Amino acid sequence: MDGLNGPINHLSILVDDIEAAVADLKSKGIVFELEITLDPNLYPNGEKFAIFRGPDGERLQLEQIL
């Protein structure tokens, strides 16, 4: 463990609607380190993702495959 990313470095959570998922988490006080970002090169049609921290400092990523 590197002390920066909690007990795991990164966990990706697949969602159907990233905009709705981010809005829901923000309404509960979650602060995103990286807002919704488009990666057009991952998967055939790209993906959208956003990153926030979990309770132990782990990086959590919401991901919507397009």
PDB file of N, CA and C in Angstrom:
ATOM      1  N   MET A   1       0.850  -1.177   0.000  1.00  0.00           N
ATOM      2  CA  MET A   1       0.000   0.000   0.000  1.00  0.00           C
ATOM      3  C   MET A   1       0.895   1.239   0.000  1.00  0.00           C
ATOM      4  N   ASP A   2       0.596   2.193  -0.861  1.00  0.00           N
ATOM      5  CA  ASP A   2       1.452   3.357  -1.001  1.00  0.00           C
ATOM      6  C   ASP A   2       1.056   4.526  -0.102  1.00  0.00           C
ATOM      7  N   GLY A   3      -0.005   4.386   0.657  1.00  0.00           N
ATOM      8  CA  GLY A   3      -0.422   5.453   1.551  1.00  0.00           C
ATOM      9  C   GLY A   3      -1.259   6.532   0.887  1.00  0.00           C
ATOM     10  N   LEU A   4      -1.261   6.581  -0.421  1.00  0.00           N
ATOM     11  CA  LEU A   4      -2.025   7.596  -1.140  1.00  0.00           C
ATOM     12  C   LEU A   4      -3.364   7.086  -1.636  1.00  0.00           C
ATOM     13  N   ASN A   5      -3.423   5.808  -1.938  1.00  0.00           N
ATOM     14  CA  ASN A   5      -4.607   5.261  -2.588  1.00  0.00           C
ATOM     15  C   ASN A   5      -5.341   4.231  -1.752  1.00  0.00           C
ATOM     16  N   GLY A   6      -5.158   4.236  -0.452  1.00  0.00           N
ATOM     17  CA  GLY A   6      -5.871   3.309   0.403  1.00  0.00           C
ATOM     18  C   GLY A   6      -5.423   1.880   0.170  1.00  0.00           C
ATOM     19  N   PRO A   7      -6.242   0.926   0.614  1.00  0.00           N
ATOM     20  CA  PRO A   7      -5.856  -0.484   0.520  1.00  0.00           C
ATOM     21  C   PRO A   7      -5.837  -1.023  -0.910  1.00  0.00           C
ATOM     22  N   ILE A   8      -6.513  -0.345  -1.834  1.00  0.00           N
ATOM     23  CA  ILE A   8      -6.458  -0.716  -3.244  1.00  0.00           C
ATOM     24  C   ILE A   8      -6.153   0.544  -4.043  1.00  0.00           C
ATOM     25  N   ASN A   9      -5.541   0.383  -5.188  1.00  0.00           N
ATOM     26  CA  ASN A   9      -5.173   1.549  -5.993  1.00  0.00           C
ATOM     27  C   ASN A   9      -6.363   2.113  -6.746  1.00  0.00           C
ATOM     28  N   HIS A  10      -7.248   1.238  -7.249  1.00  0.00           N
ATOM     29  CA  HIS A  10      -8.256   1.712  -8.189  1.00  0.00           C
ATOM     30  C   HIS A  10      -9.339   0.653  -8.344  1.00  0.00           C
ATOM     31  N   LEU A  11     -10.579   1.082  -8.290  1.00  0.00           N
ATOM     32  CA  LEU A  11     -11.714   0.192  -8.512  1.00  0.00           C
ATOM     33  C   LEU A  11     -12.672   0.913  -9.444  1.00  0.00           C
ATOM     34  N   SER A  12     -13.039   0.249 -10.535  1.00  0.00           N
ATOM     35  CA  SER A  12     -13.941   0.842 -11.515  1.00  0.00           C
ATOM     36  C   SER A  12     -15.342   0.268 -11.333  1.00  0.00           C
ATOM     37  N   ILE A  13     -16.343   1.150 -11.360  1.00  0.00           N
ATOM     38  CA  ILE A  13     -17.744   0.764 -11.180  1.00  0.00           C
ATOM     39  C   ILE A  13     -18.481   1.121 -12.469  1.00  0.00           C
ATOM     40  N   LEU A  14     -19.008   0.125 -13.139  1.00  0.00           N
ATOM     41  CA  LEU A  14     -19.718   0.325 -14.400  1.00  0.00           C
ATOM     42  C   LEU A  14     -21.127   0.847 -14.125  1.00  0.00           C
ATOM     43  N   VAL A  15     -21.496   1.937 -14.802  1.00  0.00           N
ATOM     44  CA  VAL A  15     -22.832   2.521 -14.664  1.00  0.00           C
ATOM     45  C   VAL A  15     -23.438   2.708 -16.052  1.00  0.00           C
ATOM     46  N   ASP A  16     -24.764   2.753 -16.104  1.00  0.00           N
ATOM     47  CA  ASP A  16     -25.462   2.964 -17.375  1.00  0.00           C
ATOM     48  C   ASP A  16     -25.551   4.443 -17.752  1.00  0.00           C
ATOM     49  N   ASP A  17     -25.599   5.319 -16.747  1.00  0.00           N
ATOM     50  CA  ASP A  17     -25.770   6.760 -16.985  1.00  0.00           C
ATOM     51  C   ASP A  17     -24.842   7.503 -16.029  1.00  0.00           C
ATOM     52  N   ILE A  18     -23.669   7.855 -16.504  1.00  0.00           N
ATOM     53  CA  ILE A  18     -22.665   8.465 -15.628  1.00  0.00           C
ATOM     54  C   ILE A  18     -23.107   9.834 -15.123  1.00  0.00           C
ATOM     55  N   GLU A  19     -23.797  10.606 -15.947  1.00  0.00           N
ATOM     56  CA  GLU A  19     -24.250  11.925 -15.511  1.00  0.00           C
ATOM     57  C   GLU A  19     -25.183  11.801 -14.307  1.00  0.00           C
ATOM     58  N   ALA A  20     -26.117  10.853 -14.365  1.00  0.00           N
ATOM     59  CA  ALA A  20     -27.051  10.639 -13.256  1.00  0.00           C
ATOM     60  C   ALA A  20     -26.327  10.105 -12.020  1.00  0.00           C
ATOM     61  N   ALA A  21     -25.386   9.197 -12.216  1.00  0.00           N
ATOM     62  CA  ALA A  21     -24.647   8.625 -11.087  1.00  0.00           C
ATOM     63  C   ALA A  21     -23.797   9.694 -10.394  1.00  0.00           C
ATOM     64  N   VAL A  22     -23.116  10.530 -11.163  1.00  0.00           N
ATOM     65  CA  VAL A  22     -22.303  11.601 -10.584  1.00  0.00           C
ATOM     66  C   VAL A  22     -23.201  12.591  -9.842  1.00  0.00           C
ATOM     67  N   ALA A  23     -24.316  12.978 -10.433  1.00  0.00           N
ATOM     68  CA  ALA A  23     -25.235  13.917  -9.780  1.00  0.00           C
ATOM     69  C   ALA A  23     -25.753  13.344  -8.464  1.00  0.00           C
ATOM     70  N   ASP A  24     -26.080  12.057  -8.460  1.00  0.00           N
ATOM     71  CA  ASP A  24     -26.573  11.415  -7.239  1.00  0.00           C
ATOM     72  C   ASP A  24     -25.513  11.439  -6.139  1.00  0.00           C
ATOM     73  N   LEU A  25     -24.279  11.083  -6.494  1.00  0.00           N
ATOM     74  CA  LEU A  25     -23.212  11.066  -5.491  1.00  0.00           C
ATOM     75  C   LEU A  25     -22.884  12.477  -5.003  1.00  0.00           C
ATOM     76  N   LYS A  26     -22.877  13.446  -5.905  1.00  0.00           N
ATOM     77  CA  LYS A  26     -22.623  14.834  -5.489  1.00  0.00           C
ATOM     78  C   LYS A  26     -23.702  15.318  -4.529  1.00  0.00           C
ATOM     79  N   SER A  27     -24.947  14.901  -4.749  1.00  0.00           N
ATOM     80  CA  SER A  27     -26.037  15.314  -3.855  1.00  0.00           C
ATOM     81  C   SER A  27     -25.859  14.739  -2.459  1.00  0.00           C
ATOM     82  N   LYS A  28     -25.023  13.707  -2.340  1.00  0.00           N
ATOM     83  CA  LYS A  28     -24.738  13.073  -1.049  1.00  0.00           C
ATOM     84  C   LYS A  28     -23.418  13.565  -0.463  1.00  0.00           C
ATOM     85  N   GLY A  29     -22.811  14.574  -1.098  1.00  0.00           N
ATOM     86  CA  GLY A  29     -21.607  15.182  -0.566  1.00  0.00           C
ATOM     87  C   GLY A  29     -20.292  14.642  -1.108  1.00  0.00           C
ATOM     88  N   ILE A  30     -20.346  13.740  -2.081  1.00  0.00           N
ATOM     89  CA  ILE A  30     -19.113  13.207  -2.665  1.00  0.00           C
ATOM     90  C   ILE A  30     -18.470  14.288  -3.528  1.00  0.00           C
ATOM     91  N   VAL A  31     -17.162  14.451  -3.366  1.00  0.00           N
ATOM     92  CA  VAL A  31     -16.389  15.413  -4.153  1.00  0.00           C
ATOM     93  C   VAL A  31     -15.557  14.626  -5.156  1.00  0.00           C
ATOM     94  N   PHE A  32     -15.643  14.994  -6.408  1.00  0.00           N
ATOM     95  CA  PHE A  32     -14.912  14.294  -7.460  1.00  0.00           C
ATOM     96  C   PHE A  32     -13.558  14.937  -7.698  1.00  0.00           C
ATOM     97  N   GLU A  33     -12.527  14.104  -7.779  1.00  0.00           N
ATOM     98  CA  GLU A  33     -11.183  14.575  -8.114  1.00  0.00           C
ATOM     99  C   GLU A  33     -11.061  14.830  -9.604  1.00  0.00           C
ATOM    100  N   LEU A  34     -11.792  14.067 -10.377  1.00  0.00           N
ATOM    101  CA  LEU A  34     -11.798  14.209 -11.832  1.00  0.00           C
ATOM    102  C   LEU A  34     -13.249  14.148 -12.285  1.00  0.00           C
ATOM    103  N   GLU A  35     -13.714  15.242 -12.855  1.00  0.00           N
ATOM    104  CA  GLU A  35     -15.094  15.295 -13.354  1.00  0.00           C
ATOM    105  C   GLU A  35     -15.235  14.367 -14.564  1.00  0.00           C
ATOM    106  N   ILE A  36     -16.429  14.248 -15.075  1.00  0.00           N
ATOM    107  CA  ILE A  36     -16.699  13.358 -16.203  1.00  0.00           C
ATOM    108  C   ILE A  36     -15.762  13.694 -17.360  1.00  0.00           C
ATOM    109  N   THR A  37     -15.064  12.675 -17.799  1.00  0.00           N
ATOM    110  CA  THR A  37     -14.055  12.817 -18.848  1.00  0.00           C
ATOM    111  C   THR A  37     -14.328  11.785 -19.935  1.00  0.00           C
ATOM    112  N   LEU A  38     -14.177  12.180 -21.173  1.00  0.00           N
ATOM    113  CA  LEU A  38     -14.360  11.272 -22.305  1.00  0.00           C
ATOM    114  C   LEU A  38     -13.009  10.708 -22.721  1.00  0.00           C
ATOM    115  N   ASP A  39     -12.938   9.397 -22.842  1.00  0.00           N
ATOM    116  CA  ASP A  39     -11.765   8.732 -23.420  1.00  0.00           C
ATOM    117  C   ASP A  39     -12.250   8.045 -24.694  1.00  0.00           C
ATOM    118  N   PRO A  40     -12.058   8.671 -25.857  1.00  0.00           N
ATOM    119  CA  PRO A  40     -12.585   8.115 -27.101  1.00  0.00           C
ATOM    120  C   PRO A  40     -11.815   6.895 -27.598  1.00  0.00           C
ATOM    121  N   ASN A  41     -10.659   6.620 -27.008  1.00  0.00           N
ATOM    122  CA  ASN A  41      -9.813   5.539 -27.510  1.00  0.00           C
ATOM    123  C   ASN A  41      -9.987   4.213 -26.788  1.00  0.00           C
ATOM    124  N   LEU A  42     -10.734   4.199 -25.706  1.00  0.00           N
ATOM    125  CA  LEU A  42     -10.950   2.964 -24.961  1.00  0.00           C
ATOM    126  C   LEU A  42     -12.302   2.394 -25.364  1.00  0.00           C
ATOM    127  N   TYR A  43     -12.340   1.164 -25.746  1.00  0.00           N
ATOM    128  CA  TYR A  43     -13.543   0.487 -26.248  1.00  0.00           C
ATOM    129  C   TYR A  43     -13.875   1.029 -27.644  1.00  0.00           C
ATOM    130  N   PRO A  44     -14.672   0.313 -28.407  1.00  0.00           N
ATOM    131  CA  PRO A  44     -14.948   0.721 -29.798  1.00  0.00           C
ATOM    132  C   PRO A  44     -15.548   2.132 -29.933  1.00  0.00           C
ATOM    133  N   ASN A  45     -16.426   2.514 -28.997  1.00  0.00           N
ATOM    134  CA  ASN A  45     -17.066   3.834 -29.072  1.00  0.00           C
ATOM    135  C   ASN A  45     -16.614   4.774 -27.968  1.00  0.00           C
ATOM    136  N   GLY A  46     -15.609   4.391 -27.208  1.00  0.00           N
ATOM    137  CA  GLY A  46     -15.112   5.229 -26.131  1.00  0.00           C
ATOM    138  C   GLY A  46     -15.807   4.962 -24.812  1.00  0.00           C
ATOM    139  N   GLU A  47     -15.421   5.748 -23.820  1.00  0.00           N
ATOM    140  CA  GLU A  47     -16.023   5.666 -22.497  1.00  0.00           C
ATOM    141  C   GLU A  47     -15.999   7.025 -21.837  1.00  0.00           C
ATOM    142  N   LYS A  48     -16.887   7.212 -20.871  1.00  0.00           N
ATOM    143  CA  LYS A  48     -16.857   8.371 -19.991  1.00  0.00           C
ATOM    144  C   LYS A  48     -16.519   7.856 -18.604  1.00  0.00           C
ATOM    145  N   PHE A  49     -15.716   8.626 -17.860  1.00  0.00           N
ATOM    146  CA  PHE A  49     -15.389   8.203 -16.503  1.00  0.00           C
ATOM    147  C   PHE A  49     -15.216   9.418 -15.605  1.00  0.00           C
ATOM    148  N   ALA A  50     -15.342   9.186 -14.306  1.00  0.00           N
ATOM    149  CA  ALA A  50     -15.134  10.206 -13.286  1.00  0.00           C
ATOM    150  C   ALA A  50     -14.531   9.512 -12.071  1.00  0.00           C
ATOM    151  N   ILE A  51     -13.675  10.225 -11.328  1.00  0.00           N
ATOM    152  CA  ILE A  51     -12.950   9.605 -10.215  1.00  0.00           C
ATOM    153  C   ILE A  51     -13.184  10.365  -8.917  1.00  0.00           C
ATOM    154  N   PHE A  52     -13.404   9.592  -7.848  1.00  0.00           N
ATOM    155  CA  PHE A  52     -13.536  10.137  -6.504  1.00  0.00           C
ATOM    156  C   PHE A  52     -12.845   9.192  -5.532  1.00  0.00           C
ATOM    157  N   ARG A  53     -12.762   9.587  -4.268  1.00  0.00           N
ATOM    158  CA  ARG A  53     -12.087   8.775  -3.244  1.00  0.00           C
ATOM    159  C   ARG A  53     -13.111   8.089  -2.353  1.00  0.00           C
ATOM    160  N   GLY A  54     -12.794   6.856  -2.000  1.00  0.00           N
ATOM    161  CA  GLY A  54     -13.605   6.110  -1.059  1.00  0.00           C
ATOM    162  C   GLY A  54     -13.222   6.448   0.375  1.00  0.00           C
ATOM    163  N   PRO A  55     -13.862   5.811   1.342  1.00  0.00           N
ATOM    164  CA  PRO A  55     -13.644   6.155   2.746  1.00  0.00           C
ATOM    165  C   PRO A  55     -12.233   5.878   3.262  1.00  0.00           C
ATOM    166  N   ASP A  56     -11.505   4.974   2.628  1.00  0.00           N
ATOM    167  CA  ASP A  56     -10.144   4.666   3.042  1.00  0.00           C
ATOM    168  C   ASP A  56      -9.102   5.262   2.102  1.00  0.00           C
ATOM    169  N   GLY A  57      -9.518   6.211   1.275  1.00  0.00           N
ATOM    170  CA  GLY A  57      -8.593   6.878   0.379  1.00  0.00           C
ATOM    171  C   GLY A  57      -8.416   6.201  -0.966  1.00  0.00           C
ATOM    172  N   GLU A  58      -9.085   5.076  -1.180  1.00  0.00           N
ATOM    173  CA  GLU A  58      -8.947   4.382  -2.455  1.00  0.00           C
ATOM    174  C   GLU A  58      -9.587   5.188  -3.583  1.00  0.00           C
ATOM    175  N   ARG A  59      -8.989   5.080  -4.770  1.00  0.00           N
ATOM    176  CA  ARG A  59      -9.552   5.755  -5.946  1.00  0.00           C
ATOM    177  C   ARG A  59     -10.694   4.911  -6.488  1.00  0.00           C
ATOM    178  N   LEU A  60     -11.840   5.513  -6.638  1.00  0.00           N
ATOM    179  CA  LEU A  60     -13.018   4.850  -7.195  1.00  0.00           C
ATOM    180  C   LEU A  60     -13.389   5.572  -8.483  1.00  0.00           C
ATOM    181  N   GLN A  61     -13.691   4.786  -9.490  1.00  0.00           N
ATOM    182  CA  GLN A  61     -13.995   5.351 -10.804  1.00  0.00           C
ATOM    183  C   GLN A  61     -15.364   4.879 -11.256  1.00  0.00           C
ATOM    184  N   LEU A  62     -16.190   5.817 -11.647  1.00  0.00           N
ATOM    185  CA  LEU A  62     -17.429   5.486 -12.339  1.00  0.00           C
ATOM    186  C   LEU A  62     -17.094   5.426 -13.820  1.00  0.00           C
ATOM    187  N   GLU A  63     -17.640   4.443 -14.510  1.00  0.00           N
ATOM    188  CA  GLU A  63     -17.322   4.256 -15.916  1.00  0.00           C
ATOM    189  C   GLU A  63     -18.589   3.921 -16.695  1.00  0.00           C
ATOM    190  N   GLN A  64     -18.783   4.606 -17.807  1.00  0.00           N
ATOM    191  CA  GLN A  64     -19.878   4.309 -18.728  1.00  0.00           C
ATOM    192  C   GLN A  64     -19.252   4.000 -20.079  1.00  0.00           C
ATOM    193  N   ILE A  65     -19.435   2.774 -20.538  1.00  0.00           N
ATOM    194  CA  ILE A  65     -18.937   2.385 -21.862  1.00  0.00           C
ATOM    195  C   ILE A  65     -19.942   2.871 -22.893  1.00  0.00           C
ATOM    196  N   LEU A  66     -19.467   3.583 -23.880  1.00  0.00           N
ATOM    197  CA  LEU A  66     -20.354   4.146 -24.905  1.00  0.00           C
ATOM    198  C   LEU A  66     -20.541   3.206 -26.081  1.00  0.00           C
TER     199      LEU A  66
END
